[in-house]
Amino acid sequence: HARFCALSRTYIYRLLLGCAHHSQIPVFERDLCWAPAGGPLDIPA
């Protein structure tokens, strides 16, 4: 059974940084990533 025999699932969340407005998201990336407002992220944190 595809659902009950699955051993794991992988989820990918993509953030697009540096867009001041959603209209700046590249057309082929719309609905495929999240573009939060604000500056750079603290990756180590």
PDB file of all heavy atoms in Angstrom:
ATOM      1  N   HIS A   1       0.869  -1.173   0.000  1.00  0.00           N
ATOM      2  CA  HIS A   1       0.000   0.000   0.000  1.00  0.00           C
ATOM      3  C   HIS A   1       0.907   1.225   0.000  1.00  0.00           C
ATOM      4  O   HIS A   1       1.741   1.381   0.893  1.00  0.00           O
ATOM      5  CB  HIS A   1      -0.916   0.004   1.229  1.00  0.00           C
ATOM      6  CG  HIS A   1      -2.009   1.013   1.149  1.00  0.00           C
ATOM      7  ND1 HIS A   1      -1.794   2.366   1.289  1.00  0.00           N
ATOM      8  CD2 HIS A   1      -3.343   0.854   0.916  1.00  0.00           C
ATOM      9  CE1 HIS A   1      -2.940   3.001   1.161  1.00  0.00           C
ATOM     10  NE2 HIS A   1      -3.896   2.121   0.930  1.00  0.00           N
ATOM     11  N   ALA A   2       0.758   2.094  -0.998  1.00  0.00           N
ATOM     12  CA  ALA A   2       1.663   3.240  -1.162  1.00  0.00           C
ATOM     13  C   ALA A   2       1.736   4.113   0.079  1.00  0.00           C
ATOM     14  O   ALA A   2       2.808   4.602   0.431  1.00  0.00           O
ATOM     15  CB  ALA A   2       1.228   4.073  -2.364  1.00  0.00           C
ATOM     16  N   ARG A   3       0.627   4.314   0.750  1.00  0.00           N
ATOM     17  CA  ARG A   3       0.630   5.193   1.922  1.00  0.00           C
ATOM     18  C   ARG A   3       1.176   4.497   3.159  1.00  0.00           C
ATOM     19  O   ARG A   3       2.028   5.021   3.865  1.00  0.00           O
ATOM     20  CB  ARG A   3      -0.784   5.698   2.185  1.00  0.00           C
ATOM     21  CG  ARG A   3      -0.851   6.624   3.369  1.00  0.00           C
ATOM     22  CD  ARG A   3      -2.226   7.222   3.514  1.00  0.00           C
ATOM     23  NE  ARG A   3      -2.347   7.876   4.806  1.00  0.00           N
ATOM     24  CZ  ARG A   3      -3.478   8.024   5.449  1.00  0.00           C
ATOM     25  NH1 ARG A   3      -4.592   7.595   4.939  1.00  0.00           N
ATOM     26  NH2 ARG A   3      -3.501   8.613   6.611  1.00  0.00           N
ATOM     27  N   PHE A   4       0.682   3.298   3.435  1.00  0.00           N
ATOM     28  CA  PHE A   4       1.032   2.639   4.685  1.00  0.00           C
ATOM     29  C   PHE A   4       2.385   1.921   4.643  1.00  0.00           C
ATOM     30  O   PHE A   4       2.948   1.620   5.689  1.00  0.00           O
ATOM     31  CB  PHE A   4      -0.081   1.676   5.098  1.00  0.00           C
ATOM     32  CG  PHE A   4      -1.401   2.378   5.275  1.00  0.00           C
ATOM     33  CD1 PHE A   4      -2.482   2.057   4.471  1.00  0.00           C
ATOM     34  CD2 PHE A   4      -1.550   3.392   6.208  1.00  0.00           C
ATOM     35  CE1 PHE A   4      -3.697   2.708   4.615  1.00  0.00           C
ATOM     36  CE2 PHE A   4      -2.761   4.064   6.360  1.00  0.00           C
ATOM     37  CZ  PHE A   4      -3.833   3.715   5.557  1.00  0.00           C
ATOM     38  N   CYS A   5       2.912   1.672   3.456  1.00  0.00           N
ATOM     39  CA  CYS A   5       4.227   1.027   3.342  1.00  0.00           C
ATOM     40  C   CYS A   5       5.354   2.033   3.139  1.00  0.00           C
ATOM     41  O   CYS A   5       6.516   1.648   3.047  1.00  0.00           O
ATOM     42  CB  CYS A   5       4.226   0.018   2.186  1.00  0.00           C
ATOM     43  SG  CYS A   5       3.142  -1.405   2.467  1.00  0.00           S
ATOM     44  N   ALA A   6       5.030   3.316   3.057  1.00  0.00           N
ATOM     45  CA  ALA A   6       6.065   4.344   2.879  1.00  0.00           C
ATOM     46  C   ALA A   6       6.974   4.357   4.104  1.00  0.00           C
ATOM     47  O   ALA A   6       6.503   4.341   5.240  1.00  0.00           O
ATOM     48  CB  ALA A   6       5.428   5.714   2.688  1.00  0.00           C
ATOM     49  N   LEU A   7       8.270   4.362   3.884  1.00  0.00           N
ATOM     50  CA  LEU A   7       9.233   4.367   4.982  1.00  0.00           C
ATOM     51  C   LEU A   7       9.546   5.781   5.458  1.00  0.00           C
ATOM     52  O   LEU A   7       9.870   5.986   6.621  1.00  0.00           O
ATOM     53  CB  LEU A   7      10.524   3.663   4.549  1.00  0.00           C
ATOM     54  CG  LEU A   7      10.354   2.204   4.136  1.00  0.00           C
ATOM     55  CD1 LEU A   7      11.683   1.628   3.679  1.00  0.00           C
ATOM     56  CD2 LEU A   7       9.772   1.381   5.277  1.00  0.00           C
ATOM     57  N   SER A   8       9.493   6.742   4.561  1.00  0.00           N
ATOM     58  CA  SER A   8       9.735   8.130   4.943  1.00  0.00           C
ATOM     59  C   SER A   8       9.188   9.045   3.854  1.00  0.00           C
ATOM     60  O   SER A   8       8.847   8.594   2.763  1.00  0.00           O
ATOM     61  CB  SER A   8      11.228   8.405   5.155  1.00  0.00           C
ATOM     62  OG  SER A   8      11.912   8.373   3.925  1.00  0.00           O
ATOM     63  N   ARG A   9       9.119  10.309   4.183  1.00  0.00           N
ATOM     64  CA  ARG A   9       8.721  11.331   3.237  1.00  0.00           C
ATOM     65  C   ARG A   9       9.693  12.497   3.392  1.00  0.00           C
ATOM     66  O   ARG A   9      10.137  12.776   4.495  1.00  0.00           O
ATOM     67  CB  ARG A   9       7.292  11.799   3.512  1.00  0.00           C
ATOM     68  CG  ARG A   9       6.258  10.723   3.220  1.00  0.00           C
ATOM     69  CD  ARG A   9       4.872  11.145   3.707  1.00  0.00           C
ATOM     70  NE  ARG A   9       3.891  10.128   3.422  1.00  0.00           N
ATOM     71  CZ  ARG A   9       3.633   9.085   4.222  1.00  0.00           C
ATOM     72  NH1 ARG A   9       4.288   8.936   5.347  1.00  0.00           N
ATOM     73  NH2 ARG A   9       2.726   8.199   3.891  1.00  0.00           N
ATOM     74  N   THR A  10      10.004  13.145   2.308  1.00  0.00           N
ATOM     75  CA  THR A  10      10.898  14.302   2.335  1.00  0.00           C
ATOM     76  C   THR A  10      10.105  15.530   1.916  1.00  0.00           C
ATOM     77  O   THR A  10       9.396  15.505   0.920  1.00  0.00           O
ATOM     78  CB  THR A  10      12.093  14.096   1.378  1.00  0.00           C
ATOM     79  OG1 THR A  10      12.825  12.950   1.786  1.00  0.00           O
ATOM     80  CG2 THR A  10      13.000  15.316   1.372  1.00  0.00           C
ATOM     81  N   TYR A  11      10.227  16.583   2.687  1.00  0.00           N
ATOM     82  CA  TYR A  11       9.549  17.845   2.392  1.00  0.00           C
ATOM     83  C   TYR A  11      10.611  18.899   2.125  1.00  0.00           C
ATOM     84  O   TYR A  11      11.600  18.987   2.846  1.00  0.00           O
ATOM     85  CB  TYR A  11       8.675  18.284   3.576  1.00  0.00           C
ATOM     86  CG  TYR A  11       7.571  17.306   3.867  1.00  0.00           C
ATOM     87  CD1 TYR A  11       7.788  16.208   4.679  1.00  0.00           C
ATOM     88  CD2 TYR A  11       6.312  17.479   3.322  1.00  0.00           C
ATOM     89  CE1 TYR A  11       6.765  15.302   4.945  1.00  0.00           C
ATOM     90  CE2 TYR A  11       5.283  16.585   3.578  1.00  0.00           C
ATOM     91  CZ  TYR A  11       5.524  15.495   4.386  1.00  0.00           C
ATOM     92  OH  TYR A  11       4.514  14.606   4.632  1.00  0.00           O
ATOM     93  N   ILE A  12      10.404  19.691   1.106  1.00  0.00           N
ATOM     94  CA  ILE A  12      11.323  20.773   0.770  1.00  0.00           C
ATOM     95  C   ILE A  12      10.550  22.078   0.835  1.00  0.00           C
ATOM     96  O   ILE A  12       9.505  22.224   0.193  1.00  0.00           O
ATOM     97  CB  ILE A  12      11.926  20.589  -0.633  1.00  0.00           C
ATOM     98  CG1 ILE A  12      12.711  19.281  -0.704  1.00  0.00           C
ATOM     99  CG2 ILE A  12      12.809  21.788  -1.002  1.00  0.00           C
ATOM    100  CD1 ILE A  12      13.215  18.932  -2.093  1.00  0.00           C
ATOM    101  N   TYR A  13      11.068  23.018   1.604  1.00  0.00           N
ATOM    102  CA  TYR A  13      10.480  24.344   1.718  1.00  0.00           C
ATOM    103  C   TYR A  13      11.482  25.327   1.139  1.00  0.00           C
ATOM    104  O   TYR A  13      12.634  25.377   1.574  1.00  0.00           O
ATOM    105  CB  TYR A  13      10.187  24.689   3.186  1.00  0.00           C
ATOM    106  CG  TYR A  13       9.207  23.728   3.807  1.00  0.00           C
ATOM    107  CD1 TYR A  13       9.641  22.597   4.476  1.00  0.00           C
ATOM    108  CD2 TYR A  13       7.841  23.947   3.701  1.00  0.00           C
ATOM    109  CE1 TYR A  13       8.743  21.709   5.035  1.00  0.00           C
ATOM    110  CE2 TYR A  13       6.929  23.061   4.263  1.00  0.00           C
ATOM    111  CZ  TYR A  13       7.387  21.945   4.925  1.00  0.00           C
ATOM    112  OH  TYR A  13       6.490  21.065   5.467  1.00  0.00           O
ATOM    113  N   ARG A  14      11.075  26.107   0.167  1.00  0.00           N
ATOM    114  CA  ARG A  14      11.980  27.031  -0.497  1.00  0.00           C
ATOM    115  C   ARG A  14      11.574  28.459  -0.183  1.00  0.00           C
ATOM    116  O   ARG A  14      10.419  28.837  -0.348  1.00  0.00           O
ATOM    117  CB  ARG A  14      11.945  26.781  -1.997  1.00  0.00           C
ATOM    118  CG  ARG A  14      12.448  25.368  -2.323  1.00  0.00           C
ATOM    119  CD  ARG A  14      12.242  24.998  -3.771  1.00  0.00           C
ATOM    120  NE  ARG A  14      13.002  25.873  -4.629  1.00  0.00           N
ATOM    121  CZ  ARG A  14      12.524  26.358  -5.774  1.00  0.00           C
ATOM    122  NH1 ARG A  14      11.328  26.077  -6.175  1.00  0.00           N
ATOM    123  NH2 ARG A  14      13.270  27.145  -6.509  1.00  0.00           N
ATOM    124  N   LEU A  15      12.559  29.234   0.267  1.00  0.00           N
ATOM    125  CA  LEU A  15      12.343  30.647   0.566  1.00  0.00           C
ATOM    126  C   LEU A  15      13.116  31.478  -0.455  1.00  0.00           C
ATOM    127  O   LEU A  15      14.292  31.227  -0.703  1.00  0.00           O
ATOM    128  CB  LEU A  15      12.845  30.992   1.966  1.00  0.00           C
ATOM    129  CG  LEU A  15      12.304  30.167   3.131  1.00  0.00           C
ATOM    130  CD1 LEU A  15      12.915  30.635   4.431  1.00  0.00           C
ATOM    131  CD2 LEU A  15      10.800  30.239   3.188  1.00  0.00           C
ATOM    132  N   LEU A  16      12.467  32.458  -1.029  1.00  0.00           N
ATOM    133  CA  LEU A  16      13.117  33.382  -1.940  1.00  0.00           C
ATOM    134  C   LEU A  16      13.310  34.687  -1.194  1.00  0.00           C
ATOM    135  O   LEU A  16      12.348  35.301  -0.744  1.00  0.00           O
ATOM    136  CB  LEU A  16      12.257  33.598  -3.191  1.00  0.00           C
ATOM    137  CG  LEU A  16      12.768  34.615  -4.198  1.00  0.00           C
ATOM    138  CD1 LEU A  16      14.128  34.203  -4.740  1.00  0.00           C
ATOM    139  CD2 LEU A  16      11.765  34.766  -5.330  1.00  0.00           C
ATOM    140  N   LEU A  17      14.555  35.089  -1.032  1.00  0.00           N
ATOM    141  CA  LEU A  17      14.867  36.280  -0.251  1.00  0.00           C
ATOM    142  C   LEU A  17      15.125  37.472  -1.165  1.00  0.00           C
ATOM    143  O   LEU A  17      15.558  37.318  -2.300  1.00  0.00           O
ATOM    144  CB  LEU A  17      16.090  36.015   0.622  1.00  0.00           C
ATOM    145  CG  LEU A  17      15.988  34.788   1.532  1.00  0.00           C
ATOM    146  CD1 LEU A  17      17.279  34.587   2.287  1.00  0.00           C
ATOM    147  CD2 LEU A  17      14.813  34.916   2.476  1.00  0.00           C
ATOM    148  N   GLY A  18      14.868  38.649  -0.638  1.00  0.00           N
ATOM    149  CA  GLY A  18      15.203  39.868  -1.361  1.00  0.00           C
ATOM    150  C   GLY A  18      14.097  40.412  -2.243  1.00  0.00           C
ATOM    151  O   GLY A  18      14.334  41.324  -3.036  1.00  0.00           O
ATOM    152  N   CYS A  19      12.884  39.886  -2.151  1.00  0.00           N
ATOM    153  CA  CYS A  19      11.760  40.418  -2.934  1.00  0.00           C
ATOM    154  C   CYS A  19      10.972  41.382  -2.051  1.00  0.00           C
ATOM    155  O   CYS A  19      10.416  40.980  -1.033  1.00  0.00           O
ATOM    156  CB  CYS A  19      10.833  39.301  -3.401  1.00  0.00           C
ATOM    157  SG  CYS A  19      11.538  38.282  -4.698  1.00  0.00           S
ATOM    158  N   ALA A  20      10.920  42.619  -2.459  1.00  0.00           N
ATOM    159  CA  ALA A  20      10.175  43.617  -1.687  1.00  0.00           C
ATOM    160  C   ALA A  20       8.672  43.463  -1.902  1.00  0.00           C
ATOM    161  O   ALA A  20       7.874  43.847  -1.062  1.00  0.00           O
ATOM    162  CB  ALA A  20      10.619  45.020  -2.089  1.00  0.00           C
ATOM    163  N   HIS A  21       8.277  42.854  -3.033  1.00  0.00           N
ATOM    164  CA  HIS A  21       6.865  42.697  -3.362  1.00  0.00           C
ATOM    165  C   HIS A  21       6.688  41.371  -4.106  1.00  0.00           C
ATOM    166  O   HIS A  21       7.587  40.945  -4.847  1.00  0.00           O
ATOM    167  CB  HIS A  21       6.410  43.883  -4.231  1.00  0.00           C
ATOM    168  CG  HIS A  21       4.932  43.922  -4.440  1.00  0.00           C
ATOM    169  ND1 HIS A  21       4.339  43.351  -5.535  1.00  0.00           N
ATOM    170  CD2 HIS A  21       3.940  44.457  -3.685  1.00  0.00           C
ATOM    171  CE1 HIS A  21       3.024  43.530  -5.459  1.00  0.00           C
ATOM    172  NE2 HIS A  21       2.756  44.203  -4.344  1.00  0.00           N
ATOM    173  N   HIS A  22       5.531  40.727  -3.928  1.00  0.00           N
ATOM    174  CA  HIS A  22       5.325  39.414  -4.552  1.00  0.00           C
ATOM    175  C   HIS A  22       5.423  39.465  -6.076  1.00  0.00           C
ATOM    176  O   HIS A  22       5.699  38.455  -6.721  1.00  0.00           O
ATOM    177  CB  HIS A  22       3.992  38.795  -4.118  1.00  0.00           C
ATOM    178  CG  HIS A  22       2.785  39.518  -4.614  1.00  0.00           C
ATOM    179  ND1 HIS A  22       2.246  39.305  -5.852  1.00  0.00           N
ATOM    180  CD2 HIS A  22       2.009  40.462  -4.021  1.00  0.00           C
ATOM    181  CE1 HIS A  22       1.194  40.086  -6.016  1.00  0.00           C
ATOM    182  NE2 HIS A  22       1.035  40.796  -4.914  1.00  0.00           N
ATOM    183  N   SER A  23       5.235  40.630  -6.667  1.00  0.00           N
ATOM    184  CA  SER A  23       5.341  40.754  -8.129  1.00  0.00           C
ATOM    185  C   SER A  23       6.779  40.545  -8.610  1.00  0.00           C
ATOM    186  O   SER A  23       7.007  40.339  -9.800  1.00  0.00           O
ATOM    187  CB  SER A  23       4.826  42.115  -8.589  1.00  0.00           C
ATOM    188  OG  SER A  23       5.643  43.153  -8.062  1.00  0.00           O
ATOM    189  N   GLN A  24       7.752  40.586  -7.688  1.00  0.00           N
ATOM    190  CA  GLN A  24       9.157  40.384  -8.060  1.00  0.00           C
ATOM    191  C   GLN A  24       9.544  38.908  -8.102  1.00  0.00           C
ATOM    192  O   GLN A  24      10.646  38.570  -8.515  1.00  0.00           O
ATOM    193  CB  GLN A  24      10.072  41.119  -7.082  1.00  0.00           C
ATOM    194  CG  GLN A  24       9.931  42.622  -7.162  1.00  0.00           C
ATOM    195  CD  GLN A  24      10.802  43.309  -6.123  1.00  0.00           C
ATOM    196  OE1 GLN A  24      10.860  42.890  -4.973  1.00  0.00           O
ATOM    197  NE2 GLN A  24      11.470  44.378  -6.541  1.00  0.00           N
ATOM    198  N   ILE A  25       8.654  38.028  -7.675  1.00  0.00           N
ATOM    199  CA  ILE A  25       8.952  36.590  -7.721  1.00  0.00           C
ATOM    200  C   ILE A  25       8.989  36.173  -9.188  1.00  0.00           C
ATOM    201  O   ILE A  25       8.065  36.484  -9.955  1.00  0.00           O
ATOM    202  CB  ILE A  25       7.889  35.776  -6.968  1.00  0.00           C
ATOM    203  CG1 ILE A  25       7.858  36.184  -5.495  1.00  0.00           C
ATOM    204  CG2 ILE A  25       8.136  34.284  -7.115  1.00  0.00           C
ATOM    205  CD1 ILE A  25       6.713  35.573  -4.703  1.00  0.00           C
ATOM    206  N   PRO A  26      10.039  35.491  -9.630  1.00  0.00           N
ATOM    207  CA  PRO A  26      10.096  35.041 -11.029  1.00  0.00           C
ATOM    208  C   PRO A  26       8.846  34.231 -11.382  1.00  0.00           C
ATOM    209  O   PRO A  26       8.354  33.447 -10.574  1.00  0.00           O
ATOM    210  CB  PRO A  26      11.354  34.166 -11.074  1.00  0.00           C
ATOM    211  CG  PRO A  26      12.188  34.668  -9.938  1.00  0.00           C
ATOM    212  CD  PRO A  26      11.215  35.096  -8.881  1.00  0.00           C
ATOM    213  N   VAL A  27       8.340  34.431 -12.584  1.00  0.00           N
ATOM    214  CA  VAL A  27       7.074  33.826 -12.990  1.00  0.00           C
ATOM    215  C   VAL A  27       7.070  32.302 -12.822  1.00  0.00           C
ATOM    216  O   VAL A  27       6.058  31.718 -12.436  1.00  0.00           O
ATOM    217  CB  VAL A  27       6.697  34.241 -14.436  1.00  0.00           C
ATOM    218  CG1 VAL A  27       7.658  33.636 -15.457  1.00  0.00           C
ATOM    219  CG2 VAL A  27       5.265  33.873 -14.739  1.00  0.00           C
ATOM    220  N   PHE A  28       8.181  31.624 -13.071  1.00  0.00           N
ATOM    221  CA  PHE A  28       8.219  30.173 -12.972  1.00  0.00           C
ATOM    222  C   PHE A  28       8.382  29.681 -11.533  1.00  0.00           C
ATOM    223  O   PHE A  28       8.361  28.484 -11.274  1.00  0.00           O
ATOM    224  CB  PHE A  28       9.329  29.587 -13.859  1.00  0.00           C
ATOM    225  CG  PHE A  28       9.056  29.813 -15.319  1.00  0.00           C
ATOM    226  CD1 PHE A  28       9.852  30.665 -16.061  1.00  0.00           C
ATOM    227  CD2 PHE A  28       7.977  29.195 -15.946  1.00  0.00           C
ATOM    228  CE1 PHE A  28       9.595  30.889 -17.404  1.00  0.00           C
ATOM    229  CE2 PHE A  28       7.706  29.413 -17.285  1.00  0.00           C
ATOM    230  CZ  PHE A  28       8.523  30.265 -18.023  1.00  0.00           C
ATOM    231  N   GLU A  29       8.552  30.596 -10.597  1.00  0.00           N
ATOM    232  CA  GLU A  29       8.680  30.237  -9.191  1.00  0.00           C
ATOM    233  C   GLU A  29       7.418  30.560  -8.387  1.00  0.00           C
ATOM    234  O   GLU A  29       7.304  30.171  -7.239  1.00  0.00           O
ATOM    235  CB  GLU A  29       9.880  30.953  -8.558  1.00  0.00           C
ATOM    236  CG  GLU A  29      11.212  30.535  -9.130  1.00  0.00           C
ATOM    237  CD  GLU A  29      11.546  29.070  -8.861  1.00  0.00           C
ATOM    238  OE1 GLU A  29      10.995  28.477  -7.908  1.00  0.00           O
ATOM    239  OE2 GLU A  29      12.355  28.524  -9.613  1.00  0.00           O
ATOM    240  N   ARG A  30       6.470  31.268  -8.996  1.00  0.00           N
ATOM    241  CA  ARG A  30       5.243  31.620  -8.275  1.00  0.00           C
ATOM    242  C   ARG A  30       4.532  30.352  -7.845  1.00  0.00           C
ATOM    243  O   ARG A  30       4.436  29.397  -8.590  1.00  0.00           O
ATOM    244  CB  ARG A  30       4.347  32.482  -9.152  1.00  0.00           C
ATOM    245  CG  ARG A  30       4.999  33.837  -9.361  1.00  0.00           C
ATOM    246  CD  ARG A  30       4.068  34.872  -9.902  1.00  0.00           C
ATOM    247  NE  ARG A  30       4.856  36.092 -10.091  1.00  0.00           N
ATOM    248  CZ  ARG A  30       4.692  36.916 -11.073  1.00  0.00           C
ATOM    249  NH1 ARG A  30       3.751  36.712 -11.957  1.00  0.00           N
ATOM    250  NH2 ARG A  30       5.451  37.985 -11.171  1.00  0.00           N
ATOM    251  N   ASP A  31       4.039  30.338  -6.647  1.00  0.00           N
ATOM    252  CA  ASP A  31       3.348  29.196  -6.039  1.00  0.00           C
ATOM    253  C   ASP A  31       4.288  28.023  -5.745  1.00  0.00           C
ATOM    254  O   ASP A  31       3.836  26.946  -5.382  1.00  0.00           O
ATOM    255  CB  ASP A  31       2.176  28.699  -6.903  1.00  0.00           C
ATOM    256  CG  ASP A  31       1.120  29.767  -7.090  1.00  0.00           C
ATOM    257  OD1 ASP A  31       0.893  30.561  -6.150  1.00  0.00           O
ATOM    258  OD2 ASP A  31       0.513  29.812  -8.177  1.00  0.00           O
ATOM    259  N   LEU A  32       5.597  28.204  -5.949  1.00  0.00           N
ATOM    260  CA  LEU A  32       6.559  27.140  -5.660  1.00  0.00           C
ATOM    261  C   LEU A  32       7.523  27.509  -4.536  1.00  0.00           C
ATOM    262  O   LEU A  32       8.374  26.708  -4.169  1.00  0.00           O
ATOM    263  CB  LEU A  32       7.361  26.781  -6.917  1.00  0.00           C
ATOM    264  CG  LEU A  32       6.563  26.222  -8.090  1.00  0.00           C
ATOM    265  CD1 LEU A  32       7.471  26.007  -9.288  1.00  0.00           C
ATOM    266  CD2 LEU A  32       5.872  24.927  -7.702  1.00  0.00           C
ATOM    267  N   CYS A  33       7.430  28.729  -4.036  1.00  0.00           N
ATOM    268  CA  CYS A  33       8.310  29.150  -2.960  1.00  0.00           C
ATOM    269  C   CYS A  33       7.596  30.212  -2.128  1.00  0.00           C
ATOM    270  O   CYS A  33       6.540  30.704  -2.505  1.00  0.00           O
ATOM    271  CB  CYS A  33       9.631  29.698  -3.511  1.00  0.00           C
ATOM    272  SG  CYS A  33       9.459  31.204  -4.481  1.00  0.00           S
ATOM    273  N   TRP A  34       8.187  30.541  -1.022  1.00  0.00           N
ATOM    274  CA  TRP A  34       7.663  31.587  -0.153  1.00  0.00           C
ATOM    275  C   TRP A  34       8.667  32.726  -0.176  1.00  0.00           C
ATOM    276  O   TRP A  34       9.876  32.492  -0.072  1.00  0.00           O
ATOM    277  CB  TRP A  34       7.473  31.042   1.255  1.00  0.00           C
ATOM    278  CG  TRP A  34       6.976  32.034   2.260  1.00  0.00           C
ATOM    279  CD1 TRP A  34       5.988  32.957   2.095  1.00  0.00           C
ATOM    280  CD2 TRP A  34       7.451  32.206   3.597  1.00  0.00           C
ATOM    281  NE1 TRP A  34       5.804  33.693   3.246  1.00  0.00           N
ATOM    282  CE2 TRP A  34       6.699  33.241   4.187  1.00  0.00           C
ATOM    283  CE3 TRP A  34       8.431  31.573   4.353  1.00  0.00           C
ATOM    284  CZ2 TRP A  34       6.905  33.662   5.496  1.00  0.00           C
ATOM    285  CZ3 TRP A  34       8.627  31.988   5.650  1.00  0.00           C
ATOM    286  CH2 TRP A  34       7.856  33.025   6.221  1.00  0.00           C
ATOM    287  N   ALA A  35       8.206  33.943  -0.337  1.00  0.00           N
ATOM    288  CA  ALA A  35       9.082  35.110  -0.391  1.00  0.00           C
ATOM    289  C   ALA A  35       8.769  36.021   0.789  1.00  0.00           C
ATOM    290  O   ALA A  35       8.019  36.989   0.659  1.00  0.00           O
ATOM    291  CB  ALA A  35       8.903  35.840  -1.721  1.00  0.00           C
ATOM    292  N   PRO A  36       9.348  35.723   1.958  1.00  0.00           N
ATOM    293  CA  PRO A  36       9.075  36.569   3.123  1.00  0.00           C
ATOM    294  C   PRO A  36       9.767  37.926   2.969  1.00  0.00           C
ATOM    295  O   PRO A  36      10.864  38.025   2.428  1.00  0.00           O
ATOM    296  CB  PRO A  36       9.673  35.779   4.288  1.00  0.00           C
ATOM    297  CG  PRO A  36      10.755  34.951   3.662  1.00  0.00           C
ATOM    298  CD  PRO A  36      10.278  34.641   2.269  1.00  0.00           C
ATOM    299  N   ALA A  37       9.078  38.957   3.456  1.00  0.00           N
ATOM    300  CA  ALA A  37       9.679  40.291   3.418  1.00  0.00           C
ATOM    301  C   ALA A  37      10.781  40.369   4.466  1.00  0.00           C
ATOM    302  O   ALA A  37      10.803  39.607   5.423  1.00  0.00           O
ATOM    303  CB  ALA A  37       8.602  41.335   3.702  1.00  0.00           C
ATOM    304  N   GLY A  38      11.683  41.261   4.283  1.00  0.00           N
ATOM    305  CA  GLY A  38      12.740  41.450   5.268  1.00  0.00           C
ATOM    306  C   GLY A  38      14.107  41.200   4.670  1.00  0.00           C
ATOM    307  O   GLY A  38      14.245  40.871   3.501  1.00  0.00           O
ATOM    308  N   GLY A  39      15.076  41.331   5.516  1.00  0.00           N
ATOM    309  CA  GLY A  39      16.465  41.208   5.082  1.00  0.00           C
ATOM    310  C   GLY A  39      16.981  39.791   5.164  1.00  0.00           C
ATOM    311  O   GLY A  39      16.213  38.829   5.180  1.00  0.00           O
ATOM    312  N   PRO A  40      18.289  39.656   5.251  1.00  0.00           N
ATOM    313  CA  PRO A  40      18.918  38.338   5.273  1.00  0.00           C
ATOM    314  C   PRO A  40      18.526  37.545   6.530  1.00  0.00           C
ATOM    315  O   PRO A  40      18.164  38.113   7.555  1.00  0.00           O
ATOM    316  CB  PRO A  40      20.420  38.641   5.267  1.00  0.00           C
ATOM    317  CG  PRO A  40      20.560  40.104   5.487  1.00  0.00           C
ATOM    318  CD  PRO A  40      19.227  40.753   5.313  1.00  0.00           C
ATOM    319  N   LEU A  41      18.601  36.243   6.406  1.00  0.00           N
ATOM    320  CA  LEU A  41      18.282  35.356   7.523  1.00  0.00           C
ATOM    321  C   LEU A  41      19.560  34.962   8.253  1.00  0.00           C
ATOM    322  O   LEU A  41      20.634  34.890   7.649  1.00  0.00           O
ATOM    323  CB  LEU A  41      17.568  34.102   7.013  1.00  0.00           C
ATOM    324  CG  LEU A  41      16.255  34.346   6.278  1.00  0.00           C
ATOM    325  CD1 LEU A  41      15.728  33.035   5.704  1.00  0.00           C
ATOM    326  CD2 LEU A  41      15.233  34.973   7.202  1.00  0.00           C
ATOM    327  N   ASP A  42      19.447  34.679   9.533  1.00  0.00           N
ATOM    328  CA  ASP A  42      20.578  34.233  10.343  1.00  0.00           C
ATOM    329  C   ASP A  42      20.649  32.711  10.239  1.00  0.00           C
ATOM    330  O   ASP A  42      20.051  31.985  11.032  1.00  0.00           O
ATOM    331  CB  ASP A  42      20.377  34.684  11.791  1.00  0.00           C
ATOM    332  CG  ASP A  42      21.582  34.398  12.667  1.00  0.00           C
ATOM    333  OD1 ASP A  42      22.419  33.533  12.301  1.00  0.00           O
ATOM    334  OD2 ASP A  42      21.681  35.032  13.741  1.00  0.00           O
ATOM    335  N   ILE A  43      21.381  32.228   9.233  1.00  0.00           N
ATOM    336  CA  ILE A  43      21.439  30.793   8.946  1.00  0.00           C
ATOM    337  C   ILE A  43      21.998  30.004  10.135  1.00  0.00           C
ATOM    338  O   ILE A  43      21.420  28.982  10.521  1.00  0.00           O
ATOM    339  CB  ILE A  43      22.265  30.510   7.668  1.00  0.00           C
ATOM    340  CG1 ILE A  43      21.671  31.262   6.470  1.00  0.00           C
ATOM    341  CG2 ILE A  43      22.351  29.021   7.388  1.00  0.00           C
ATOM    342  CD1 ILE A  43      20.246  30.920   6.136  1.00  0.00           C
ATOM    343  N   PRO A  44      23.105  30.418  10.776  1.00  0.00           N
ATOM    344  CA  PRO A  44      23.597  29.657  11.933  1.00  0.00           C
ATOM    345  C   PRO A  44      22.547  29.553  13.046  1.00  0.00           C
ATOM    346  O   PRO A  44      22.378  28.484  13.648  1.00  0.00           O
ATOM    347  CB  PRO A  44      24.827  30.443  12.392  1.00  0.00           C
ATOM    348  CG  PRO A  44      25.308  31.130  11.144  1.00  0.00           C
ATOM    349  CD  PRO A  44      24.049  31.491  10.405  1.00  0.00           C
ATOM    350  N   ALA A  45      21.814  30.619  13.310  1.00  0.00           N
ATOM    351  CA  ALA A  45      20.769  30.567  14.348  1.00  0.00           C
ATOM    352  C   ALA A  45      19.643  29.634  13.932  1.00  0.00           C
ATOM    353  O   ALA A  45      19.096  28.895  14.762  1.00  0.00           O
ATOM    354  CB  ALA A  45      20.226  31.973  14.615  1.00  0.00           C
TER     355      ALA A  45
END
